[in-house]
Amino acid sequence: MAEPQTEFGLGHGEYKTPGGKMVVADLSVVQGQLQQVVVSGDFFLYPEETLALITHALNGQPANASRDALTAAVD
């Protein structure tokens, strides 16, 4: 995601996996950091608490973080 031109930006992304499942991410960018991250879609995670852990790990990450950096944060 590109750095927004203002203090506050909104992001929305959708990805359909090869198996057909949809993953959606909505977020705000405040002062260059991901905030209010919500990940949703038609998928299942086990244990159920995993989704909350993923969104918690993404909140506060730099908006210009690389895919590898975001993956490391989630891992």
C-alpha atoms as a PDB file:
ATOM      1  CA  MET A   1       0.000   0.000   0.000  1.00  0.00           C
ATOM      2  CA  ALA A   2       1.353   3.425  -0.898  1.00  0.00           C
ATOM      3  CA  GLU A   3       1.849   6.047   1.792  1.00  0.00           C
ATOM      4  CA  PRO A   4      -1.291   8.258   1.852  1.00  0.00           C
ATOM      5  CA  GLN A   5      -1.037  11.941   1.017  1.00  0.00           C
ATOM      6  CA  THR A   6      -2.852  12.941   4.213  1.00  0.00           C
ATOM      7  CA  GLU A   7      -2.576  12.120   7.899  1.00  0.00           C
ATOM      8  CA  PHE A   8      -5.492   9.712   7.577  1.00  0.00           C
ATOM      9  CA  GLY A   9      -6.115   7.241   4.755  1.00  0.00           C
ATOM     10  CA  LEU A  10      -8.410   4.282   4.238  1.00  0.00           C
ATOM     11  CA  GLY A  11      -7.527   0.974   2.679  1.00  0.00           C
ATOM     12  CA  HIS A  12      -9.585  -1.900   1.329  1.00  0.00           C
ATOM     13  CA  GLY A  13      -8.312  -4.993  -0.383  1.00  0.00           C
ATOM     14  CA  GLU A  14      -9.787  -8.273  -1.575  1.00  0.00           C
ATOM     15  CA  TYR A  15      -8.004 -11.453  -2.593  1.00  0.00           C
ATOM     16  CA  LYS A  16      -9.553 -14.633  -3.922  1.00  0.00           C
ATOM     17  CA  THR A  17      -7.345 -17.621  -3.175  1.00  0.00           C
ATOM     18  CA  PRO A  18      -6.715 -20.305  -5.815  1.00  0.00           C
ATOM     19  CA  GLY A  19      -9.131 -22.579  -3.902  1.00  0.00           C
ATOM     20  CA  GLY A  20     -11.897 -20.005  -4.198  1.00  0.00           C
ATOM     21  CA  LYS A  21     -11.903 -18.488  -0.691  1.00  0.00           C
ATOM     22  CA  MET A  22     -12.202 -14.692  -0.389  1.00  0.00           C
ATOM     23  CA  VAL A  23     -10.012 -12.729   2.037  1.00  0.00           C
ATOM     24  CA  VAL A  24     -10.872  -9.064   2.680  1.00  0.00           C
ATOM     25  CA  ALA A  25      -8.834  -6.479   4.582  1.00  0.00           C
ATOM     26  CA  ASP A  26     -10.097  -3.056   5.649  1.00  0.00           C
ATOM     27  CA  LEU A  27      -7.919  -0.611   7.540  1.00  0.00           C
ATOM     28  CA  SER A  28      -7.058   2.979   8.286  1.00  0.00           C
ATOM     29  CA  VAL A  29      -3.644   4.567   7.918  1.00  0.00           C
ATOM     30  CA  VAL A  30      -2.843   7.101  10.614  1.00  0.00           C
ATOM     31  CA  GLN A  31       0.533   8.826  10.738  1.00  0.00           C
ATOM     32  CA  GLY A  32       2.004   6.145   8.488  1.00  0.00           C
ATOM     33  CA  GLN A  33       0.797   3.184  10.540  1.00  0.00           C
ATOM     34  CA  LEU A  34      -1.888   0.571   9.946  1.00  0.00           C
ATOM     35  CA  GLN A  35      -4.788   1.079  12.354  1.00  0.00           C
ATOM     36  CA  GLN A  36      -8.240  -0.459  12.839  1.00  0.00           C
ATOM     37  CA  VAL A  37      -7.273  -3.495  10.765  1.00  0.00           C
ATOM     38  CA  VAL A  38     -10.190  -5.844  10.069  1.00  0.00           C
ATOM     39  CA  VAL A  39      -9.608  -9.104   8.186  1.00  0.00           C
ATOM     40  CA  SER A  40     -12.690 -11.013   7.072  1.00  0.00           C
ATOM     41  CA  GLY A  41     -13.922 -13.301   4.328  1.00  0.00           C
ATOM     42  CA  ASP A  42     -15.297 -16.748   3.623  1.00  0.00           C
ATOM     43  CA  PHE A  43     -12.587 -18.782   5.298  1.00  0.00           C
ATOM     44  CA  PHE A  44     -12.120 -20.725   8.510  1.00  0.00           C
ATOM     45  CA  LEU A  45      -9.233 -20.513  10.961  1.00  0.00           C
ATOM     46  CA  TYR A  46      -8.471 -22.867  13.795  1.00  0.00           C
ATOM     47  CA  PRO A  47      -8.303 -22.038  16.554  1.00  0.00           C
ATOM     48  CA  GLU A  48     -10.867 -19.235  16.170  1.00  0.00           C
ATOM     49  CA  GLU A  49      -8.708 -16.829  18.206  1.00  0.00           C
ATOM     50  CA  THR A  50      -6.149 -16.841  15.382  1.00  0.00           C
ATOM     51  CA  LEU A  51      -7.965 -14.097  13.455  1.00  0.00           C
ATOM     52  CA  ALA A  52      -7.816 -11.723  16.440  1.00  0.00           C
ATOM     53  CA  LEU A  53      -4.092 -12.454  16.789  1.00  0.00           C
ATOM     54  CA  ILE A  54      -3.521 -11.677  13.103  1.00  0.00           C
ATOM     55  CA  THR A  55      -5.346  -8.348  13.234  1.00  0.00           C
ATOM     56  CA  HIS A  56      -3.541  -7.426  16.470  1.00  0.00           C
ATOM     57  CA  ALA A  57      -0.180  -8.181  14.839  1.00  0.00           C
ATOM     58  CA  LEU A  58      -0.988  -5.961  11.831  1.00  0.00           C
ATOM     59  CA  ASN A  59      -2.204  -2.963  13.836  1.00  0.00           C
ATOM     60  CA  GLY A  60       0.621  -0.481  14.282  1.00  0.00           C
ATOM     61  CA  GLN A  61       2.756  -1.835  11.433  1.00  0.00           C
ATOM     62  CA  PRO A  62       4.193   0.745   9.008  1.00  0.00           C
ATOM     63  CA  ALA A  63       1.864   1.416   6.072  1.00  0.00           C
ATOM     64  CA  ASN A  64       4.793   0.997   3.687  1.00  0.00           C
ATOM     65  CA  ALA A  65       5.940  -2.306   5.215  1.00  0.00           C
ATOM     66  CA  SER A  66       6.933  -5.024   2.770  1.00  0.00           C
ATOM     67  CA  ARG A  67       4.988  -8.243   2.359  1.00  0.00           C
ATOM     68  CA  ASP A  68       7.855 -10.062   4.089  1.00  0.00           C
ATOM     69  CA  ALA A  69       7.733  -7.669   7.066  1.00  0.00           C
ATOM     70  CA  LEU A  70       3.961  -8.072   7.450  1.00  0.00           C
ATOM     71  CA  THR A  71       4.272 -11.845   7.130  1.00  0.00           C
ATOM     72  CA  ALA A  72       6.939 -11.857   9.847  1.00  0.00           C
ATOM     73  CA  ALA A  73       4.691  -9.763  12.113  1.00  0.00           C
ATOM     74  CA  VAL A  74       1.815 -12.205  11.672  1.00  0.00           C
ATOM     75  CA  ASP A  75       4.059 -15.259  12.131  1.00  0.00           C
END
